[in-house]
Amino acid sequence: MTEAAETEYLSALLERSQGRIGVAAELAGVDPRSLFDRLRKHGIRKENFR
């Protein structure tokens, strides 16, 4: 997955989950910590989706 595609996907997950990491991780089928690390890598803040 390209950087831009991953950023878009992560943003869509957070939008769908209203910024809740646990819910977004469940939707993606990944560990919440792993999702959080990816968000940080891309500079995405969950607060922007609440």
N, C-alpha and C. Protein backbone atom coordinates (compact mmCIF):
# COMPACT_ATOMS: atom_id res chain seq x y z
N MET A 1 0.86 -1.17 0.00
CA MET A 1 0.00 0.00 0.00
C MET A 1 0.90 1.24 0.00
N THR A 2 0.57 2.20 -0.82
CA THR A 2 1.37 3.42 -0.86
C THR A 2 1.10 4.27 0.37
N GLU A 3 2.00 5.20 0.63
CA GLU A 3 1.84 6.09 1.79
C GLU A 3 0.52 6.86 1.71
N ALA A 4 0.22 7.41 0.54
CA ALA A 4 -1.00 8.20 0.38
C ALA A 4 -2.24 7.33 0.58
N ALA A 5 -2.22 6.12 0.04
CA ALA A 5 -3.36 5.22 0.18
C ALA A 5 -3.55 4.82 1.65
N GLU A 6 -2.46 4.56 2.34
CA GLU A 6 -2.55 4.19 3.74
C GLU A 6 -3.08 5.35 4.58
N THR A 7 -2.63 6.54 4.29
CA THR A 7 -3.11 7.72 5.00
C THR A 7 -4.61 7.89 4.79
N GLU A 8 -5.05 7.72 3.56
CA GLU A 8 -6.48 7.83 3.24
C GLU A 8 -7.29 6.76 3.97
N TYR A 9 -6.78 5.53 3.98
CA TYR A 9 -7.45 4.42 4.65
C TYR A 9 -7.56 4.67 6.15
N LEU A 10 -6.47 5.10 6.77
CA LEU A 10 -6.47 5.37 8.20
C LEU A 10 -7.43 6.51 8.54
N SER A 11 -7.45 7.53 7.72
CA SER A 11 -8.37 8.66 7.94
C SER A 11 -9.82 8.19 7.85
N ALA A 12 -10.10 7.33 6.87
CA ALA A 12 -11.46 6.82 6.71
C ALA A 12 -11.87 5.97 7.92
N LEU A 13 -10.94 5.17 8.44
CA LEU A 13 -11.23 4.37 9.63
C LEU A 13 -11.58 5.27 10.81
N LEU A 14 -10.80 6.31 11.01
CA LEU A 14 -11.05 7.21 12.14
C LEU A 14 -12.34 7.99 11.96
N GLU A 15 -12.65 8.34 10.73
CA GLU A 15 -13.91 9.04 10.47
C GLU A 15 -15.08 8.13 10.82
N ARG A 16 -14.99 6.89 10.39
CA ARG A 16 -16.05 5.92 10.66
C ARG A 16 -16.22 5.64 12.15
N SER A 17 -15.12 5.64 12.88
CA SER A 17 -15.15 5.32 14.31
C SER A 17 -15.23 6.57 15.18
N GLN A 18 -15.37 7.72 14.57
CA GLN A 18 -15.44 9.01 15.27
C GLN A 18 -14.23 9.24 16.17
N GLY A 19 -13.06 8.83 15.68
CA GLY A 19 -11.81 9.08 16.39
C GLY A 19 -11.48 8.08 17.48
N ARG A 20 -12.23 7.02 17.60
CA ARG A 20 -11.98 6.03 18.65
C ARG A 20 -11.05 4.95 18.12
N ILE A 21 -9.85 4.89 18.68
CA ILE A 21 -8.81 3.97 18.23
C ILE A 21 -9.26 2.51 18.34
N GLY A 22 -9.85 2.15 19.47
CA GLY A 22 -10.27 0.78 19.68
C GLY A 22 -11.27 0.31 18.64
N VAL A 23 -12.23 1.15 18.33
CA VAL A 23 -13.25 0.81 17.33
C VAL A 23 -12.61 0.74 15.95
N ALA A 24 -11.75 1.70 15.63
CA ALA A 24 -11.07 1.71 14.33
C ALA A 24 -10.20 0.47 14.17
N ALA A 25 -9.51 0.08 15.22
CA ALA A 25 -8.66 -1.10 15.16
C ALA A 25 -9.50 -2.35 14.94
N GLU A 26 -10.64 -2.42 15.59
CA GLU A 26 -11.53 -3.57 15.40
C GLU A 26 -12.04 -3.63 13.96
N LEU A 27 -12.40 -2.50 13.41
CA LEU A 27 -12.85 -2.45 12.01
C LEU A 27 -11.76 -2.94 11.06
N ALA A 28 -10.52 -2.58 11.37
CA ALA A 28 -9.38 -2.93 10.51
C ALA A 28 -8.86 -4.34 10.80
N GLY A 29 -9.25 -4.89 11.95
CA GLY A 29 -8.77 -6.22 12.32
C GLY A 29 -7.32 -6.23 12.77
N VAL A 30 -6.91 -5.14 13.43
CA VAL A 30 -5.53 -5.04 13.93
C VAL A 30 -5.54 -4.67 15.41
N ASP A 31 -4.40 -4.82 16.05
CA ASP A 31 -4.22 -4.43 17.43
C ASP A 31 -4.28 -2.91 17.56
N PRO A 32 -4.97 -2.37 18.57
CA PRO A 32 -5.03 -0.91 18.73
C PRO A 32 -3.67 -0.24 18.79
N ARG A 33 -2.70 -0.88 19.43
CA ARG A 33 -1.36 -0.27 19.52
C ARG A 33 -0.72 -0.15 18.15
N SER A 34 -0.90 -1.18 17.32
CA SER A 34 -0.38 -1.16 15.97
C SER A 34 -1.02 -0.03 15.16
N LEU A 35 -2.32 0.13 15.30
CA LEU A 35 -3.01 1.20 14.59
C LEU A 35 -2.51 2.56 15.07
N PHE A 36 -2.35 2.71 16.38
CA PHE A 36 -1.87 3.97 16.93
C PHE A 36 -0.49 4.32 16.38
N ASP A 37 0.38 3.32 16.29
CA ASP A 37 1.73 3.54 15.74
C ASP A 37 1.66 3.99 14.29
N ARG A 38 0.77 3.39 13.51
CA ARG A 38 0.60 3.79 12.11
C ARG A 38 0.09 5.23 11.99
N LEU A 39 -0.85 5.58 12.85
CA LEU A 39 -1.39 6.94 12.83
C LEU A 39 -0.29 7.95 13.13
N ARG A 40 0.53 7.64 14.13
CA ARG A 40 1.63 8.53 14.48
C ARG A 40 2.62 8.66 13.32
N LYS A 41 2.90 7.55 12.65
CA LYS A 41 3.83 7.56 11.51
C LYS A 41 3.34 8.51 10.41
N HIS A 42 2.03 8.55 10.23
CA HIS A 42 1.45 9.38 9.17
C HIS A 42 1.05 10.78 9.65
N GLY A 43 1.26 11.05 10.93
CA GLY A 43 0.92 12.37 11.46
C GLY A 43 -0.56 12.61 11.59
N ILE A 44 -1.33 11.54 11.75
CA ILE A 44 -2.79 11.65 11.87
C ILE A 44 -3.16 11.67 13.34
N ARG A 45 -3.98 12.65 13.72
CA ARG A 45 -4.40 12.78 15.12
C ARG A 45 -5.86 12.41 15.25
N LYS A 46 -6.16 11.52 16.19
CA LYS A 46 -7.53 11.06 16.39
C LYS A 46 -8.46 12.21 16.79
N GLU A 47 -7.92 13.21 17.45
CA GLU A 47 -8.72 14.34 17.90
C GLU A 47 -9.38 15.07 16.73
N ASN A 48 -8.79 14.99 15.55
CA ASN A 48 -9.35 15.67 14.38
C ASN A 48 -10.59 14.99 13.82
N PHE A 49 -10.96 13.84 14.39
CA PHE A 49 -12.09 13.08 13.86
C PHE A 49 -13.22 12.93 14.87
N ARG A 50 -13.16 13.67 15.94
CA ARG A 50 -14.22 13.59 16.96
C ARG A 50 -15.30 14.60 16.69
